[in-house]
Amino acid sequence: MKLPFPDWCLVTPIKVYAEVPGEDGVTNTLIFDGKCNFSERSRTTLNEQKQVVELTGKALFKDDIYPGQPIKGYVIVDGIKRSIYRSRKPRNPDGTIYSTELDLM
């Protein structure tokens, strides 16, 4: 069973770049250029070293924008570059990816 995704909420243009390790170091590759649901909300959280990190927004995409890979890199929203802090991929009851969520710093 696949849950319906509300396409009408995808209104903010965004570009997502992933850091891909290679022979010559890390390269930034454009993996998504389209629209998302972006909420600009500031909140704080603790990272693995118990340091305070301020998150500045959250981006929500339909389906899996980078299949089979964890997303590390940055996004450009409204001309502002933001780093990706965490990514999540919640699943449908049948096991397929429902959406991709990126927490931004």
Protein backbone atom coordinates (compact mmCIF):
# COMPACT_ATOMS: atom_id res chain seq x y z
CA MET A 1 0.00 0.00 0.00
CA LYS A 2 1.44 3.33 -1.06
CA LEU A 3 0.33 6.46 0.77
CA PRO A 4 -0.59 9.50 -1.37
CA PHE A 5 1.82 12.45 -1.25
CA PRO A 6 0.40 16.01 -1.32
CA ASP A 7 2.06 17.39 -4.48
CA TRP A 8 0.38 20.78 -3.99
CA CYS A 9 2.74 21.59 -1.09
CA LEU A 10 5.90 21.39 -3.25
CA VAL A 11 6.33 25.09 -4.09
CA THR A 12 9.90 26.18 -3.20
CA PRO A 13 12.62 25.86 -5.89
CA ILE A 14 15.74 24.13 -4.55
CA LYS A 15 19.00 22.60 -5.75
CA VAL A 16 20.58 19.75 -3.78
CA TYR A 17 24.30 18.96 -4.12
CA ALA A 18 25.82 15.75 -2.74
CA GLU A 19 29.45 15.34 -1.72
CA VAL A 20 30.75 12.33 -3.66
CA PRO A 21 34.21 10.98 -2.69
CA GLY A 22 36.47 10.15 -5.60
CA GLU A 23 40.11 9.64 -6.55
CA ASP A 24 40.80 13.39 -6.65
CA GLY A 25 38.97 14.18 -3.41
CA VAL A 26 35.39 15.15 -2.78
CA THR A 27 33.32 16.49 -5.68
CA ASN A 28 29.94 18.21 -5.42
CA THR A 29 27.32 16.68 -7.72
CA LEU A 30 23.87 18.13 -8.44
CA ILE A 31 21.40 15.38 -7.51
CA PHE A 32 18.10 17.30 -7.48
CA ASP A 33 16.87 20.47 -9.17
CA GLY A 34 13.18 20.98 -8.60
CA LYS A 35 10.60 21.95 -5.99
CA CYS A 36 10.22 20.99 -2.35
CA ASN A 37 8.27 21.90 0.77
CA PHE A 38 10.67 24.17 2.68
CA SER A 39 9.99 25.43 6.18
CA GLU A 40 12.39 28.00 7.57
CA ARG A 41 12.28 27.37 11.28
CA SER A 42 15.14 27.73 13.70
CA ARG A 43 15.69 25.20 16.47
CA THR A 44 18.60 23.74 18.39
CA THR A 45 19.68 20.14 18.88
CA LEU A 46 22.69 18.22 20.21
CA ASN A 47 25.08 16.39 17.91
CA GLU A 48 27.06 13.21 18.69
CA GLN A 49 29.71 15.15 20.66
CA LYS A 50 27.02 16.80 22.83
CA GLN A 51 27.57 20.17 21.15
CA VAL A 52 24.67 22.51 20.44
CA VAL A 53 23.80 22.78 16.73
CA GLU A 54 21.32 25.35 15.38
CA LEU A 55 19.13 24.06 12.56
CA THR A 56 17.76 26.74 10.25
CA GLY A 57 15.26 24.86 8.13
CA LYS A 58 13.78 21.63 6.82
CA ALA A 59 13.22 20.51 3.22
CA LEU A 60 10.70 17.81 2.29
CA PHE A 61 10.76 16.02 -1.10
CA LYS A 62 8.49 13.46 -2.72
CA ASP A 63 9.98 9.94 -3.00
CA ASP A 64 13.71 9.18 -2.83
CA ILE A 65 15.80 11.93 -4.46
CA TYR A 66 19.10 9.97 -4.13
CA PRO A 67 18.26 6.24 -4.25
CA GLY A 68 20.37 3.90 -2.18
CA GLN A 69 22.76 6.58 -0.91
CA PRO A 70 22.95 8.73 2.23
CA ILE A 71 22.81 12.45 1.44
CA LYS A 72 25.68 14.66 2.62
CA GLY A 73 26.38 18.04 1.11
CA TYR A 74 24.49 21.29 0.77
CA VAL A 75 21.40 22.89 -0.75
CA ILE A 76 20.70 26.25 -2.35
CA VAL A 77 17.32 27.75 -1.44
CA ASP A 78 16.43 31.32 -2.49
CA GLY A 79 20.09 31.97 -3.33
CA ILE A 80 21.27 30.96 0.17
CA LYS A 81 23.65 28.01 0.62
CA ARG A 82 22.77 25.77 3.59
CA SER A 83 24.59 22.65 4.80
CA ILE A 84 22.74 19.36 5.24
CA TYR A 85 22.87 18.22 8.87
CA ARG A 86 20.73 15.08 8.69
CA SER A 87 18.63 13.20 6.15
CA ARG A 88 15.73 10.81 6.69
CA LYS A 89 13.75 8.61 4.32
CA PRO A 90 10.44 7.49 5.88
CA ARG A 91 8.81 4.45 4.30
CA ASN A 92 5.35 3.45 3.11
CA PRO A 93 3.67 0.37 4.64
CA ASP A 94 4.80 -1.65 1.58
CA GLY A 95 8.48 -0.72 2.17
CA THR A 96 8.96 1.87 -0.58
CA ILE A 97 10.37 5.32 0.22
CA TYR A 98 7.58 7.83 0.93
CA SER A 99 9.64 11.03 1.07
CA THR A 100 13.09 12.49 1.72
CA GLU A 101 13.55 14.93 4.61
CA LEU A 102 16.65 17.11 5.01
CA ASP A 103 17.48 19.05 8.19
CA LEU A 104 19.54 22.12 7.26
CA MET A 105 22.09 24.20 9.14
